[in-house]
């Protein structure tokens, strides 16, 4: 099977294989490279790092005997890079228990194996003397997350006690998280509750979808402003599933503008979704609220008022 295979001094350098029988590409790789998990191999295929006769192919591609398969997994990196990165951060509020930040577009909340750029966690590690342990080693301080291209307010816990209290508020739905979104078209009513279980899209595992086997999810949607062909809405999370607002709005036929994943027209627009309001009970005191205006690349940002989210 490995009639030609070589590795340079680089860790996990290029691997060249030849198919020894007709077989699906994914099954061939699993058999030829048992030292790698099937999920890792599938990720490499999806990233275009597996070439059959010089061209990227789908996992289901059927190999013929003698075909050349090249795999370049590149240099292995830690699964989650926790290197502190000194970078400016827009801190809206900070005390000994927590801080609230205005996350910029293009920054992931926490590290992931596929990330090349620093995440919010990397910046926090350089800035904060202490952070809560989080729910995983690569998520210190992170109580809830925002998608990479979603802007706006996110709370970070500095202590484990604070983390537990804030996480409980999100779980029991007493914390308030509200968003501004420009969507394509018009929702069917001025105000509605969108309910639909969210899970992995069976047709595309990189997306989420409303599916019967998903986790319960509900989003409250209110129309703020109508313009020709698009609508500004306020969204309040009742639950917090991955891509929840984007999936629920798309299920209405009103995808978020700039959201190529879920069908929103882009025309050069970035994702038009902004977390503009956050409310919670401080672990050492009473109820606190924060408002944050949308960024300059949010449509009509000069006339969009974050206090619309308090109505």
C-alpha atoms as a PDB file:
ATOM      1  CA  UNK A   1       0.000   0.000   0.000  1.00  0.00           C
ATOM      2  CA  UNK A   2       2.796   2.408   0.917  1.00  0.00           C
ATOM      3  CA  UNK A   3       4.783   1.587  -2.195  1.00  0.00           C
ATOM      4  CA  UNK A   4       6.125   5.126  -1.985  1.00  0.00           C
ATOM      5  CA  UNK A   5       6.079   6.890   1.305  1.00  0.00           C
ATOM      6  CA  UNK A   6       8.524   9.317   2.804  1.00  0.00           C
ATOM      7  CA  UNK A   7       8.715  11.765   5.662  1.00  0.00           C
ATOM      8  CA  UNK A   8      11.118  14.675   5.903  1.00  0.00           C
ATOM      9  CA  UNK A   9      12.619  15.955   9.136  1.00  0.00           C
ATOM     10  CA  UNK A  10       9.435  18.003   9.618  1.00  0.00           C
ATOM     11  CA  UNK A  11       6.983  16.468  12.022  1.00  0.00           C
ATOM     12  CA  UNK A  12       4.069  14.898  10.131  1.00  0.00           C
ATOM     13  CA  UNK A  13       5.397  15.915   6.697  1.00  0.00           C
ATOM     14  CA  UNK A  14       4.032  14.810   3.330  1.00  0.00           C
ATOM     15  CA  UNK A  15       2.900  11.195   2.988  1.00  0.00           C
ATOM     16  CA  UNK A  16       2.543   9.563  -0.424  1.00  0.00           C
ATOM     17  CA  UNK A  17       0.516   6.358  -0.816  1.00  0.00           C
ATOM     18  CA  UNK A  18      -0.726   4.180  -3.656  1.00  0.00           C
ATOM     19  CA  UNK A  19      -4.079   2.451  -3.614  1.00  0.00           C
ATOM     20  CA  UNK A  20      -3.670  -1.316  -3.660  1.00  0.00           C
ATOM     21  CA  UNK A  21      -7.293  -2.065  -4.569  1.00  0.00           C
ATOM     22  CA  UNK A  22     -10.551  -0.296  -5.517  1.00  0.00           C
ATOM     23  CA  UNK A  23     -11.896   1.386  -2.375  1.00  0.00           C
ATOM     24  CA  UNK A  24     -13.488   4.564  -1.005  1.00  0.00           C
ATOM     25  CA  UNK A  25     -10.915   7.238  -0.200  1.00  0.00           C
ATOM     26  CA  UNK A  26     -11.885   7.551   3.477  1.00  0.00           C
ATOM     27  CA  UNK A  27     -11.784   3.783   4.020  1.00  0.00           C
ATOM     28  CA  UNK A  28      -8.437   3.503   2.274  1.00  0.00           C
ATOM     29  CA  UNK A  29      -6.898   6.182   4.498  1.00  0.00           C
ATOM     30  CA  UNK A  30      -8.295   4.606   7.666  1.00  0.00           C
ATOM     31  CA  UNK A  31      -6.723   1.297   6.650  1.00  0.00           C
ATOM     32  CA  UNK A  32      -3.436   2.787   5.457  1.00  0.00           C
ATOM     33  CA  UNK A  33      -2.941   5.179   8.374  1.00  0.00           C
ATOM     34  CA  UNK A  34      -4.322   3.482  11.507  1.00  0.00           C
ATOM     35  CA  UNK A  35      -2.216   5.797  13.699  1.00  0.00           C
ATOM     36  CA  UNK A  36      -4.617   8.656  12.845  1.00  0.00           C
ATOM     37  CA  UNK A  37      -8.249   8.802  13.969  1.00  0.00           C
ATOM     38  CA  UNK A  38     -11.022   8.672  11.386  1.00  0.00           C
ATOM     39  CA  UNK A  39     -12.192  12.124  12.473  1.00  0.00           C
ATOM     40  CA  UNK A  40      -8.701  13.570  11.924  1.00  0.00           C
ATOM     41  CA  UNK A  41      -8.478  11.977   8.475  1.00  0.00           C
ATOM     42  CA  UNK A  42     -11.952  13.280   7.603  1.00  0.00           C
ATOM     43  CA  UNK A  43     -10.885  16.779   8.679  1.00  0.00           C
ATOM     44  CA  UNK A  44      -7.839  16.632   6.402  1.00  0.00           C
ATOM     45  CA  UNK A  45      -9.960  15.480   3.455  1.00  0.00           C
ATOM     46  CA  UNK A  46     -12.428  18.314   4.080  1.00  0.00           C
ATOM     47  CA  UNK A  47      -9.587  20.858   4.260  1.00  0.00           C
ATOM     48  CA  UNK A  48      -8.300  19.741   0.859  1.00  0.00           C
ATOM     49  CA  UNK A  49      -5.064  18.387   2.296  1.00  0.00           C
ATOM     50  CA  UNK A  50      -5.604  14.958   0.707  1.00  0.00           C
ATOM     51  CA  UNK A  51      -4.985  14.863  -3.066  1.00  0.00           C
ATOM     52  CA  UNK A  52      -5.808  11.975  -5.392  1.00  0.00           C
ATOM     53  CA  UNK A  53      -3.749  12.185  -8.570  1.00  0.00           C
ATOM     54  CA  UNK A  54      -3.156  15.846  -7.712  1.00  0.00           C
ATOM     55  CA  UNK A  55      -6.783  16.846  -7.053  1.00  0.00           C
ATOM     56  CA  UNK A  56      -8.801  17.130  -3.815  1.00  0.00           C
ATOM     57  CA  UNK A  57     -11.594  14.587  -3.564  1.00  0.00           C
ATOM     58  CA  UNK A  58     -14.599  13.836  -1.359  1.00  0.00           C
ATOM     59  CA  UNK A  59     -14.417  11.058   1.267  1.00  0.00           C
ATOM     60  CA  UNK A  60     -16.700   8.916  -0.914  1.00  0.00           C
ATOM     61  CA  UNK A  61     -14.415   9.150  -3.964  1.00  0.00           C
ATOM     62  CA  UNK A  62     -13.697   5.648  -5.254  1.00  0.00           C
ATOM     63  CA  UNK A  63     -10.036   4.909  -5.789  1.00  0.00           C
ATOM     64  CA  UNK A  64      -8.759   2.648  -8.534  1.00  0.00           C
ATOM     65  CA  UNK A  65      -5.792   0.378  -7.939  1.00  0.00           C
ATOM     66  CA  UNK A  66      -2.509   2.226  -8.423  1.00  0.00           C
ATOM     67  CA  UNK A  67      -3.884   5.741  -7.865  1.00  0.00           C
ATOM     68  CA  UNK A  68      -1.554   8.103  -6.024  1.00  0.00           C
ATOM     69  CA  UNK A  69      -2.838   9.617  -2.766  1.00  0.00           C
ATOM     70  CA  UNK A  70      -0.878  12.479  -1.220  1.00  0.00           C
ATOM     71  CA  UNK A  71      -1.476  13.659   2.322  1.00  0.00           C
ATOM     72  CA  UNK A  72       0.092  16.799   3.761  1.00  0.00           C
ATOM     73  CA  UNK A  73      -1.061  17.114   7.376  1.00  0.00           C
ATOM     74  CA  UNK A  74       1.440  19.961   7.851  1.00  0.00           C
ATOM     75  CA  UNK A  75       3.288  20.374  11.079  1.00  0.00           C
ATOM     76  CA  UNK A  76       1.430  19.043  14.048  1.00  0.00           C
ATOM     77  CA  UNK A  77       0.372  21.771  16.456  1.00  0.00           C
ATOM     78  CA  UNK A  78      -1.089  21.509  19.917  1.00  0.00           C
ATOM     79  CA  UNK A  79      -4.796  20.737  19.668  1.00  0.00           C
ATOM     80  CA  UNK A  80      -5.527  24.012  21.461  1.00  0.00           C
ATOM     81  CA  UNK A  81      -2.856  26.698  21.448  1.00  0.00           C
ATOM     82  CA  UNK A  82      -2.943  28.555  24.781  1.00  0.00           C
ATOM     83  CA  UNK A  83      -0.069  30.935  24.076  1.00  0.00           C
ATOM     84  CA  UNK A  84      -0.778  34.372  25.628  1.00  0.00           C
ATOM     85  CA  UNK A  85      -1.036  37.080  22.964  1.00  0.00           C
ATOM     86  CA  UNK A  86      -0.642  40.761  23.844  1.00  0.00           C
ATOM     87  CA  UNK A  87      -3.279  42.518  21.766  1.00  0.00           C
ATOM     88  CA  UNK A  88      -5.660  45.448  22.415  1.00  0.00           C
ATOM     89  CA  UNK A  89      -9.026  44.434  23.838  1.00  0.00           C
ATOM     90  CA  UNK A  90     -12.160  46.568  24.204  1.00  0.00           C
ATOM     91  CA  UNK A  91     -13.063  46.064  27.872  1.00  0.00           C
ATOM     92  CA  UNK A  92     -16.499  47.480  28.667  1.00  0.00           C
ATOM     93  CA  UNK A  93     -16.413  46.651  32.396  1.00  0.00           C
ATOM     94  CA  UNK A  94     -14.009  44.971  34.820  1.00  0.00           C
ATOM     95  CA  UNK A  95     -13.757  44.171  38.524  1.00  0.00           C
ATOM     96  CA  UNK A  96     -12.187  41.434  40.671  1.00  0.00           C
ATOM     97  CA  UNK A  97     -14.803  38.841  39.684  1.00  0.00           C
ATOM     98  CA  UNK A  98     -15.425  39.337  35.979  1.00  0.00           C
ATOM     99  CA  UNK A  99     -14.940  41.439  32.914  1.00  0.00           C
ATOM    100  CA  UNK A 100     -17.229  42.232  29.998  1.00  0.00           C
ATOM    101  CA  UNK A 101     -15.591  42.637  26.603  1.00  0.00           C
ATOM    102  CA  UNK A 102     -16.729  43.842  23.202  1.00  0.00           C
ATOM    103  CA  UNK A 103     -15.458  41.012  20.986  1.00  0.00           C
ATOM    104  CA  UNK A 104     -14.325  42.132  17.534  1.00  0.00           C
ATOM    105  CA  UNK A 105     -15.250  40.462  14.279  1.00  0.00           C
ATOM    106  CA  UNK A 106     -12.885  37.734  13.099  1.00  0.00           C
ATOM    107  CA  UNK A 107     -11.782  36.613  16.566  1.00  0.00           C
ATOM    108  CA  UNK A 108     -12.835  33.178  17.802  1.00  0.00           C
ATOM    109  CA  UNK A 109     -13.871  32.944  21.440  1.00  0.00           C
ATOM    110  CA  UNK A 110     -11.497  30.094  22.311  1.00  0.00           C
ATOM    111  CA  UNK A 111      -8.725  28.087  20.607  1.00  0.00           C
ATOM    112  CA  UNK A 112      -9.506  25.251  18.208  1.00  0.00           C
ATOM    113  CA  UNK A 113      -7.243  22.891  16.233  1.00  0.00           C
ATOM    114  CA  UNK A 114      -8.206  24.535  12.937  1.00  0.00           C
ATOM    115  CA  UNK A 115      -7.451  28.103  14.083  1.00  0.00           C
ATOM    116  CA  UNK A 116      -4.419  30.000  12.834  1.00  0.00           C
ATOM    117  CA  UNK A 117      -5.208  33.350  14.496  1.00  0.00           C
ATOM    118  CA  UNK A 118      -5.223  34.109  18.243  1.00  0.00           C
ATOM    119  CA  UNK A 119      -8.554  33.668  19.995  1.00  0.00           C
ATOM    120  CA  UNK A 120     -10.091  35.800  22.726  1.00  0.00           C
ATOM    121  CA  UNK A 121      -8.746  33.300  25.270  1.00  0.00           C
ATOM    122  CA  UNK A 122      -5.175  33.904  24.051  1.00  0.00           C
ATOM    123  CA  UNK A 123      -5.625  37.659  24.522  1.00  0.00           C
ATOM    124  CA  UNK A 124      -7.229  37.191  27.946  1.00  0.00           C
ATOM    125  CA  UNK A 125      -4.333  35.005  29.102  1.00  0.00           C
ATOM    126  CA  UNK A 126      -1.939  37.862  28.362  1.00  0.00           C
ATOM    127  CA  UNK A 127      -4.139  40.451  30.070  1.00  0.00           C
ATOM    128  CA  UNK A 128      -5.627  38.771  33.158  1.00  0.00           C
ATOM    129  CA  UNK A 129      -3.699  37.553  36.184  1.00  0.00           C
ATOM    130  CA  UNK A 130      -6.399  34.986  36.878  1.00  0.00           C
ATOM    131  CA  UNK A 131      -9.254  33.357  34.996  1.00  0.00           C
ATOM    132  CA  UNK A 132     -11.739  30.683  35.998  1.00  0.00           C
ATOM    133  CA  UNK A 133     -10.965  27.092  35.082  1.00  0.00           C
ATOM    134  CA  UNK A 134     -13.849  27.068  32.619  1.00  0.00           C
ATOM    135  CA  UNK A 135     -15.604  23.979  31.325  1.00  0.00           C
ATOM    136  CA  UNK A 136     -12.472  22.739  29.512  1.00  0.00           C
ATOM    137  CA  UNK A 137      -8.720  23.436  29.774  1.00  0.00           C
ATOM    138  CA  UNK A 138      -8.782  25.447  26.540  1.00  0.00           C
ATOM    139  CA  UNK A 139     -11.679  27.670  27.691  1.00  0.00           C
ATOM    140  CA  UNK A 140     -10.418  29.500  30.808  1.00  0.00           C
ATOM    141  CA  UNK A 141     -12.832  32.241  31.835  1.00  0.00           C
ATOM    142  CA  UNK A 142     -15.324  31.515  29.065  1.00  0.00           C
ATOM    143  CA  UNK A 143     -18.901  31.340  30.356  1.00  0.00           C
ATOM    144  CA  UNK A 144     -20.609  31.629  26.966  1.00  0.00           C
ATOM    145  CA  UNK A 145     -19.316  32.160  23.446  1.00  0.00           C
ATOM    146  CA  UNK A 146     -19.893  34.230  20.327  1.00  0.00           C
ATOM    147  CA  UNK A 147     -19.297  32.962  16.799  1.00  0.00           C
ATOM    148  CA  UNK A 148     -16.042  34.128  15.218  1.00  0.00           C
ATOM    149  CA  UNK A 149     -17.685  36.775  13.011  1.00  0.00           C
ATOM    150  CA  UNK A 150     -20.307  37.879  15.550  1.00  0.00           C
ATOM    151  CA  UNK A 151     -19.393  41.096  17.353  1.00  0.00           C
ATOM    152  CA  UNK A 152     -20.393  42.362  20.757  1.00  0.00           C
ATOM    153  CA  UNK A 153     -20.695  41.692  24.459  1.00  0.00           C
ATOM    154  CA  UNK A 154     -19.318  38.637  26.199  1.00  0.00           C
ATOM    155  CA  UNK A 155     -18.764  38.087  29.931  1.00  0.00           C
ATOM    156  CA  UNK A 156     -15.580  36.455  31.230  1.00  0.00           C
ATOM    157  CA  UNK A 157     -15.230  34.961  34.725  1.00  0.00           C
ATOM    158  CA  UNK A 158     -12.052  35.511  36.736  1.00  0.00           C
ATOM    159  CA  UNK A 159     -12.874  33.054  39.527  1.00  0.00           C
ATOM    160  CA  UNK A 160     -14.411  29.596  39.626  1.00  0.00           C
ATOM    161  CA  UNK A 161     -17.126  30.814  41.987  1.00  0.00           C
ATOM    162  CA  UNK A 162     -18.094  33.574  39.587  1.00  0.00           C
ATOM    163  CA  UNK A 163     -18.068  31.111  36.697  1.00  0.00           C
ATOM    164  CA  UNK A 164     -20.467  28.732  38.463  1.00  0.00           C
ATOM    165  CA  UNK A 165     -22.895  31.517  39.343  1.00  0.00           C
ATOM    166  CA  UNK A 166     -22.904  33.014  35.844  1.00  0.00           C
ATOM    167  CA  UNK A 167     -23.207  29.617  34.163  1.00  0.00           C
ATOM    168  CA  UNK A 168     -26.193  28.827  36.383  1.00  0.00           C
ATOM    169  CA  UNK A 169     -27.871  32.081  35.300  1.00  0.00           C
ATOM    170  CA  UNK A 170     -27.442  31.177  31.643  1.00  0.00           C
ATOM    171  CA  UNK A 171     -28.711  27.645  32.281  1.00  0.00           C
ATOM    172  CA  UNK A 172     -31.802  28.796  34.187  1.00  0.00           C
ATOM    173  CA  UNK A 173     -32.435  31.598  31.634  1.00  0.00           C
ATOM    174  CA  UNK A 174     -32.169  34.495  34.074  1.00  0.00           C
ATOM    175  CA  UNK A 175     -29.232  36.082  32.235  1.00  0.00           C
ATOM    176  CA  UNK A 176     -30.274  38.253  29.270  1.00  0.00           C
ATOM    177  CA  UNK A 177     -28.464  38.157  25.920  1.00  0.00           C
ATOM    178  CA  UNK A 178     -29.912  40.227  23.089  1.00  0.00           C
ATOM    179  CA  UNK A 179     -28.688  40.792  19.560  1.00  0.00           C
ATOM    180  CA  UNK A 180     -29.195  43.104  16.602  1.00  0.00           C
ATOM    181  CA  UNK A 181     -29.364  41.461  13.175  1.00  0.00           C
ATOM    182  CA  UNK A 182     -30.033  42.611   9.647  1.00  0.00           C
ATOM    183  CA  UNK A 183     -31.880  39.855   7.813  1.00  0.00           C
ATOM    184  CA  UNK A 184     -32.889  39.183   4.251  1.00  0.00           C
ATOM    185  CA  UNK A 185     -36.605  39.697   3.579  1.00  0.00           C
ATOM    186  CA  UNK A 186     -39.233  40.151   6.293  1.00  0.00           C
ATOM    187  CA  UNK A 187     -40.243  37.938   9.231  1.00  0.00           C
ATOM    188  CA  UNK A 188     -43.891  36.806   9.093  1.00  0.00           C
ATOM    189  CA  UNK A 189     -44.897  38.829  12.188  1.00  0.00           C
ATOM    190  CA  UNK A 190     -43.725  41.883  14.119  1.00  0.00           C
ATOM    191  CA  UNK A 191     -42.899  39.738  17.141  1.00  0.00           C
ATOM    192  CA  UNK A 192     -42.577  35.969  17.385  1.00  0.00           C
ATOM    193  CA  UNK A 193     -40.945  33.123  19.262  1.00  0.00           C
ATOM    194  CA  UNK A 194     -39.003  30.762  17.008  1.00  0.00           C
ATOM    195  CA  UNK A 195     -38.785  27.269  18.422  1.00  0.00           C
ATOM    196  CA  UNK A 196     -36.981  24.349  16.815  1.00  0.00           C
ATOM    197  CA  UNK A 197     -34.431  21.775  18.008  1.00  0.00           C
ATOM    198  CA  UNK A 198     -30.921  22.436  16.717  1.00  0.00           C
ATOM    199  CA  UNK A 199     -28.307  19.820  15.835  1.00  0.00           C
ATOM    200  CA  UNK A 200     -25.760  18.955  13.168  1.00  0.00           C
ATOM    201  CA  UNK A 201     -27.062  19.209   9.621  1.00  0.00           C
ATOM    202  CA  UNK A 202     -27.109  15.595   8.346  1.00  0.00           C
ATOM    203  CA  UNK A 203     -26.278  16.843   4.841  1.00  0.00           C
ATOM    204  CA  UNK A 204     -23.327  18.980   5.935  1.00  0.00           C
ATOM    205  CA  UNK A 205     -21.705  18.251   9.281  1.00  0.00           C
ATOM    206  CA  UNK A 206     -20.009  21.662   9.400  1.00  0.00           C
ATOM    207  CA  UNK A 207     -23.421  23.377   9.654  1.00  0.00           C
ATOM    208  CA  UNK A 208     -26.206  23.320  12.203  1.00  0.00           C
ATOM    209  CA  UNK A 209     -29.883  22.914  11.329  1.00  0.00           C
ATOM    210  CA  UNK A 210     -33.349  22.520  12.819  1.00  0.00           C
ATOM    211  CA  UNK A 211     -33.565  18.733  13.107  1.00  0.00           C
ATOM    212  CA  UNK A 212     -35.876  16.424  15.108  1.00  0.00           C
ATOM    213  CA  UNK A 213     -32.914  14.919  16.978  1.00  0.00           C
ATOM    214  CA  UNK A 214     -31.441  18.296  17.969  1.00  0.00           C
ATOM    215  CA  UNK A 215     -31.374  20.016  21.350  1.00  0.00           C
ATOM    216  CA  UNK A 216     -34.363  22.204  22.303  1.00  0.00           C
ATOM    217  CA  UNK A 217     -33.858  25.824  21.265  1.00  0.00           C
ATOM    218  CA  UNK A 218     -35.944  29.003  21.311  1.00  0.00           C
ATOM    219  CA  UNK A 219     -35.277  32.541  20.078  1.00  0.00           C
ATOM    220  CA  UNK A 220     -37.492  35.610  20.501  1.00  0.00           C
ATOM    221  CA  UNK A 221     -37.499  37.858  17.422  1.00  0.00           C
ATOM    222  CA  UNK A 222     -38.844  41.428  17.219  1.00  0.00           C
ATOM    223  CA  UNK A 223     -38.898  43.679  14.152  1.00  0.00           C
ATOM    224  CA  UNK A 224     -37.198  47.047  14.703  1.00  0.00           C
ATOM    225  CA  UNK A 225     -36.895  48.548  11.234  1.00  0.00           C
ATOM    226  CA  UNK A 226     -37.970  47.598   7.726  1.00  0.00           C
ATOM    227  CA  UNK A 227     -36.109  48.644   4.609  1.00  0.00           C
ATOM    228  CA  UNK A 228     -36.523  47.530   1.040  1.00  0.00           C
ATOM    229  CA  UNK A 229     -35.608  43.855   0.924  1.00  0.00           C
ATOM    230  CA  UNK A 230     -34.182  43.699   4.434  1.00  0.00           C
ATOM    231  CA  UNK A 231     -35.233  44.006   8.069  1.00  0.00           C
ATOM    232  CA  UNK A 232     -33.462  44.939  11.290  1.00  0.00           C
ATOM    233  CA  UNK A 233     -34.525  42.627  14.114  1.00  0.00           C
ATOM    234  CA  UNK A 234     -33.818  42.254  17.813  1.00  0.00           C
ATOM    235  CA  UNK A 235     -33.202  38.691  18.964  1.00  0.00           C
ATOM    236  CA  UNK A 236     -33.309  37.442  22.549  1.00  0.00           C
ATOM    237  CA  UNK A 237     -31.844  34.066  23.357  1.00  0.00           C
ATOM    238  CA  UNK A 238     -33.911  31.743  25.497  1.00  0.00           C
ATOM    239  CA  UNK A 239     -31.366  28.962  24.991  1.00  0.00           C
ATOM    240  CA  UNK A 240     -27.824  29.105  23.658  1.00  0.00           C
ATOM    241  CA  UNK A 241     -27.160  26.512  20.969  1.00  0.00           C
ATOM    242  CA  UNK A 242     -24.378  26.737  18.397  1.00  0.00           C
ATOM    243  CA  UNK A 243     -25.338  29.193  15.611  1.00  0.00           C
ATOM    244  CA  UNK A 244     -28.829  29.400  17.176  1.00  0.00           C
ATOM    245  CA  UNK A 245     -29.884  32.855  15.960  1.00  0.00           C
ATOM    246  CA  UNK A 246     -28.468  32.266  12.492  1.00  0.00           C
ATOM    247  CA  UNK A 247     -30.200  28.889  12.148  1.00  0.00           C
ATOM    248  CA  UNK A 248     -33.567  30.057  13.505  1.00  0.00           C
ATOM    249  CA  UNK A 249     -33.656  33.169  11.314  1.00  0.00           C
ATOM    250  CA  UNK A 250     -32.699  31.099   8.268  1.00  0.00           C
ATOM    251  CA  UNK A 251     -35.520  28.677   9.129  1.00  0.00           C
ATOM    252  CA  UNK A 252     -37.935  31.623   8.771  1.00  0.00           C
ATOM    253  CA  UNK A 253     -36.590  32.301   5.287  1.00  0.00           C
ATOM    254  CA  UNK A 254     -34.799  35.375   6.670  1.00  0.00           C
ATOM    255  CA  UNK A 255     -31.089  34.519   6.907  1.00  0.00           C
ATOM    256  CA  UNK A 256     -28.727  37.041   8.461  1.00  0.00           C
ATOM    257  CA  UNK A 257     -27.182  39.283   5.809  1.00  0.00           C
ATOM    258  CA  UNK A 258     -23.555  38.412   5.183  1.00  0.00           C
ATOM    259  CA  UNK A 259     -24.048  34.839   6.417  1.00  0.00           C
ATOM    260  CA  UNK A 260     -22.868  32.720   3.501  1.00  0.00           C
ATOM    261  CA  UNK A 261     -23.144  29.537   5.585  1.00  0.00           C
ATOM    262  CA  UNK A 262     -26.914  29.841   6.034  1.00  0.00           C
ATOM    263  CA  UNK A 263     -27.877  31.562   2.810  1.00  0.00           C
ATOM    264  CA  UNK A 264     -27.693  35.260   3.613  1.00  0.00           C
ATOM    265  CA  UNK A 265     -26.802  37.558   0.717  1.00  0.00           C
ATOM    266  CA  UNK A 266     -23.349  39.005   1.225  1.00  0.00           C
ATOM    267  CA  UNK A 267     -22.538  41.532  -1.541  1.00  0.00           C
ATOM    268  CA  UNK A 268     -19.308  42.110   0.352  1.00  0.00           C
ATOM    269  CA  UNK A 269     -21.064  42.529   3.710  1.00  0.00           C
ATOM    270  CA  UNK A 270     -19.628  40.953   6.858  1.00  0.00           C
ATOM    271  CA  UNK A 271     -21.997  39.011   9.103  1.00  0.00           C
ATOM    272  CA  UNK A 272     -24.681  41.459  10.288  1.00  0.00           C
ATOM    273  CA  UNK A 273     -25.096  40.058  13.805  1.00  0.00           C
ATOM    274  CA  UNK A 274     -24.136  41.990  16.939  1.00  0.00           C
ATOM    275  CA  UNK A 275     -24.518  41.119  20.626  1.00  0.00           C
ATOM    276  CA  UNK A 276     -25.580  44.546  21.825  1.00  0.00           C
ATOM    277  CA  UNK A 277     -27.111  43.874  25.264  1.00  0.00           C
ATOM    278  CA  UNK A 278     -26.003  41.758  28.213  1.00  0.00           C
ATOM    279  CA  UNK A 279     -27.742  41.582  31.571  1.00  0.00           C
ATOM    280  CA  UNK A 280     -26.897  39.418  34.589  1.00  0.00           C
ATOM    281  CA  UNK A 281     -26.854  39.320  38.356  1.00  0.00           C
ATOM    282  CA  UNK A 282     -23.352  40.065  39.589  1.00  0.00           C
ATOM    283  CA  UNK A 283     -22.049  37.341  41.947  1.00  0.00           C
ATOM    284  CA  UNK A 284     -21.123  40.009  44.519  1.00  0.00           C
ATOM    285  CA  UNK A 285     -24.078  42.339  44.040  1.00  0.00           C
ATOM    286  CA  UNK A 286     -27.242  43.069  42.140  1.00  0.00           C
ATOM    287  CA  UNK A 287     -28.445  43.137  38.561  1.00  0.00           C
ATOM    288  CA  UNK A 288     -26.140  44.773  35.996  1.00  0.00           C
ATOM    289  CA  UNK A 289     -26.686  45.626  32.326  1.00  0.00           C
ATOM    290  CA  UNK A 290     -24.387  46.665  29.503  1.00  0.00           C
ATOM    291  CA  UNK A 291     -25.108  48.122  26.066  1.00  0.00           C
ATOM    292  CA  UNK A 292     -22.708  48.191  23.144  1.00  0.00           C
ATOM    293  CA  UNK A 293     -23.218  49.980  19.794  1.00  0.00           C
ATOM    294  CA  UNK A 294     -22.649  47.949  16.621  1.00  0.00           C
ATOM    295  CA  UNK A 295     -19.356  48.269  14.708  1.00  0.00           C
ATOM    296  CA  UNK A 296     -18.805  50.623  11.790  1.00  0.00           C
ATOM    297  CA  UNK A 297     -19.388  47.863   9.218  1.00  0.00           C
ATOM    298  CA  UNK A 298     -22.894  47.176  10.573  1.00  0.00           C
ATOM    299  CA  UNK A 299     -25.520  48.544   8.175  1.00  0.00           C
ATOM    300  CA  UNK A 300     -26.836  51.993   9.142  1.00  0.00           C
ATOM    301  CA  UNK A 301     -24.685  51.820  12.278  1.00  0.00           C
ATOM    302  CA  UNK A 302     -25.012  55.568  12.900  1.00  0.00           C
ATOM    303  CA  UNK A 303     -28.794  55.367  13.204  1.00  0.00           C
ATOM    304  CA  UNK A 304     -29.063  51.974  14.944  1.00  0.00           C
ATOM    305  CA  UNK A 305     -29.430  52.507  18.688  1.00  0.00           C
ATOM    306  CA  UNK A 306     -28.386  49.711  21.075  1.00  0.00           C
ATOM    307  CA  UNK A 307     -30.993  50.906  23.590  1.00  0.00           C
ATOM    308  CA  UNK A 308     -33.621  49.561  21.175  1.00  0.00           C
ATOM    309  CA  UNK A 309     -32.670  46.239  22.751  1.00  0.00           C
ATOM    310  CA  UNK A 310     -33.934  47.388  26.161  1.00  0.00           C
ATOM    311  CA  UNK A 311     -37.506  47.968  24.988  1.00  0.00           C
END
